[in-house]
Amino acid sequence: MLKALQNFFQNNTAAEQASLDKADGMTDNAFLSLVLMTEISLADGTLSDEERQHLLHELEHEYDIKGEQAENAIKKAVKTVKEAASLYEFTAQLKALAYEKRVELLESLWVVAYADGELDPYEESMLRKLADLLYIGHADYIRTKLNVMDS
């Protein structure tokens, strides 16, 4: 019984990941990263113009996605965030990345949090949770925050 339940969840996760692969021509990890950036952007209740511009910039420069395709990716990410039950579904696959890549992702998330010029307590709390879910040490959590604040 336990094995059947485990297989059910693994198959559903695989199906969800397959659909993420098709999301606006992005890989799973790219879309999951965008979803986390969107999660941080929405943590304070709004997606500011500065945060939206930062997401568009990231899509263009990191993933070579521009124009309407980028706008659609953001819309899909916002919808995904609003329908999500937990952060775990987004971080489970990303924690398989190399530690340095996870730290780079966290630093990108800090940049998103500061994109509108202020750090909301909800954004900071969300970043702490994400760092824990991505198995990023506290020293690197603080270092990435300070790097972004200093730049």
Protein backbone atom coordinates (compact mmCIF):
# COMPACT_ATOMS: atom_id res chain seq x y z
CA MET A 1 0.00 0.00 0.00
CA LEU A 2 2.75 2.44 0.93
CA LYS A 3 4.66 1.56 -2.25
CA ALA A 4 1.54 2.21 -4.37
CA LEU A 5 1.04 5.59 -2.73
CA GLN A 6 4.70 6.47 -3.28
CA ASN A 7 4.45 5.47 -6.96
CA PHE A 8 1.32 7.59 -7.34
CA PHE A 9 3.09 10.70 -6.05
CA GLN A 10 6.22 10.03 -8.10
CA ASN A 11 4.17 9.59 -11.27
CA ASN A 12 2.21 12.78 -10.63
CA THR A 13 5.41 14.69 -9.93
CA ALA A 14 6.91 13.37 -13.16
CA ALA A 15 3.78 14.43 -15.06
CA GLU A 16 3.90 17.91 -13.52
CA GLN A 17 7.59 18.22 -14.37
CA ALA A 18 6.91 17.17 -17.97
CA SER A 19 4.35 19.96 -18.27
CA LEU A 20 6.88 22.41 -16.81
CA ASP A 21 9.31 21.45 -19.59
CA LYS A 22 6.81 22.78 -22.10
CA ALA A 23 6.19 26.04 -20.23
CA ASP A 24 7.07 28.76 -22.69
CA GLY A 25 10.08 26.87 -24.04
CA MET A 26 11.80 26.82 -20.66
CA THR A 27 13.48 23.90 -18.97
CA ASP A 28 12.06 22.63 -15.69
CA ASN A 29 14.80 24.29 -13.63
CA ALA A 30 14.46 27.60 -15.48
CA PHE A 31 10.71 27.69 -14.95
CA LEU A 32 11.03 26.61 -11.31
CA SER A 33 13.56 29.40 -10.77
CA LEU A 34 11.14 31.88 -12.34
CA VAL A 35 8.36 30.57 -10.09
CA LEU A 36 10.53 31.13 -7.00
CA MET A 37 11.41 34.64 -8.16
CA THR A 38 7.71 35.29 -8.70
CA GLU A 39 6.94 33.86 -5.26
CA ILE A 40 9.35 36.38 -3.71
CA SER A 41 7.88 39.18 -5.82
CA LEU A 42 4.38 38.35 -4.61
CA ALA A 43 5.34 37.77 -0.96
CA ASP A 44 4.38 41.34 -0.07
CA GLY A 45 1.07 41.01 -1.90
CA THR A 46 1.93 42.83 -5.12
CA LEU A 47 4.12 42.39 -8.17
CA SER A 48 5.59 45.88 -8.51
CA ASP A 49 6.66 47.33 -11.85
CA GLU A 50 10.30 47.15 -10.72
CA GLU A 51 9.94 43.48 -9.82
CA ARG A 52 8.21 42.73 -13.14
CA GLN A 53 10.99 44.52 -15.02
CA HIS A 54 13.59 42.52 -13.12
CA LEU A 55 11.83 39.26 -14.01
CA LEU A 56 11.68 40.30 -17.68
CA HIS A 57 15.39 41.19 -17.54
CA GLU A 58 16.26 37.81 -16.01
CA LEU A 59 14.24 35.96 -18.64
CA GLU A 60 15.93 37.86 -21.45
CA HIS A 61 19.50 37.70 -20.20
CA GLU A 62 19.59 34.34 -18.43
CA TYR A 63 17.18 32.31 -20.55
CA ASP A 64 17.02 34.24 -23.87
CA ILE A 65 13.24 34.60 -23.60
CA LYS A 66 11.86 37.93 -24.79
CA GLY A 67 8.70 39.84 -25.59
CA GLU A 68 5.37 38.09 -25.49
CA GLN A 69 6.98 34.77 -24.61
CA ALA A 70 8.52 36.38 -21.50
CA GLU A 71 5.23 38.02 -20.53
CA ASN A 72 3.45 34.67 -20.91
CA ALA A 73 6.09 32.96 -18.78
CA ILE A 74 5.54 35.51 -16.00
CA LYS A 75 1.76 35.11 -16.23
CA LYS A 76 2.12 31.34 -15.99
CA ALA A 77 4.52 31.71 -13.04
CA VAL A 78 2.08 34.02 -11.22
CA LYS A 79 -0.74 31.53 -11.81
CA THR A 80 1.46 28.67 -10.60
CA VAL A 81 2.37 30.57 -7.42
CA LYS A 82 -1.25 31.42 -6.67
CA GLU A 83 -2.35 27.79 -7.13
CA ALA A 84 0.55 26.28 -5.17
CA ALA A 85 -0.04 24.41 -1.95
CA SER A 86 3.54 24.68 -0.72
CA LEU A 87 7.05 25.77 -1.64
CA TYR A 88 8.30 22.20 -1.49
CA GLU A 89 6.90 21.35 -4.92
CA PHE A 90 9.16 24.03 -6.42
CA THR A 91 12.30 23.32 -4.43
CA ALA A 92 12.29 19.51 -4.48
CA GLN A 93 13.82 19.35 -7.95
CA LEU A 94 16.08 22.38 -7.52
CA LYS A 95 17.84 21.01 -4.46
CA ALA A 96 19.45 18.45 -6.79
CA LEU A 97 21.46 21.31 -8.35
CA ALA A 98 25.08 21.79 -7.32
CA TYR A 99 25.40 23.77 -4.09
CA GLU A 100 26.98 26.75 -5.89
CA LYS A 101 24.03 26.92 -8.31
CA ARG A 102 21.56 26.89 -5.41
CA VAL A 103 23.48 29.74 -3.76
CA GLU A 104 23.42 31.67 -7.07
CA LEU A 105 19.66 31.12 -7.23
CA LEU A 106 19.28 32.43 -3.67
CA GLU A 107 21.28 35.51 -4.57
CA SER A 108 18.97 36.05 -7.56
CA LEU A 109 16.02 35.78 -5.21
CA TRP A 110 17.55 38.45 -2.96
CA VAL A 111 17.91 40.72 -6.00
CA VAL A 112 14.20 40.24 -6.73
CA ALA A 113 13.32 41.05 -3.12
CA TYR A 114 15.26 44.33 -3.32
CA ALA A 115 14.10 45.20 -6.88
CA ASP A 116 11.47 47.62 -5.61
CA GLY A 117 13.90 49.35 -3.25
CA GLU A 118 12.66 47.83 0.00
CA LEU A 119 12.73 44.49 1.73
CA ASP A 120 9.34 43.47 3.06
CA PRO A 121 9.39 41.22 6.16
CA TYR A 122 7.32 38.64 4.25
CA GLU A 123 9.93 38.56 1.49
CA GLU A 124 12.72 38.04 3.99
CA SER A 125 10.77 35.29 5.74
CA MET A 126 10.11 33.60 2.40
CA LEU A 127 13.80 33.77 1.52
CA ARG A 128 14.72 32.12 4.82
CA LYS A 129 12.26 29.29 4.12
CA LEU A 130 13.55 28.85 0.59
CA ALA A 131 17.16 28.76 1.78
CA ASP A 132 16.22 25.99 4.22
CA LEU A 133 14.30 24.04 1.58
CA LEU A 134 17.25 24.33 -0.82
CA TYR A 135 19.66 23.18 1.92
CA ILE A 136 21.67 26.39 1.85
CA GLY A 137 23.69 27.11 4.96
CA HIS A 138 23.00 30.16 7.12
CA ALA A 139 26.41 31.70 6.37
CA ASP A 140 25.67 31.62 2.63
CA TYR A 141 22.16 32.96 3.27
CA ILE A 142 23.67 36.00 5.04
CA ARG A 143 26.52 36.37 2.53
CA THR A 144 24.12 36.48 -0.44
CA LYS A 145 21.93 39.03 1.34
CA LEU A 146 24.93 41.26 2.08
CA ASN A 147 26.23 40.91 -1.49
CA VAL A 148 22.94 42.18 -2.86
CA MET A 149 22.63 44.96 -0.30
CA ASP A 150 26.17 46.17 -1.12
CA SER A 151 25.61 46.24 -4.87
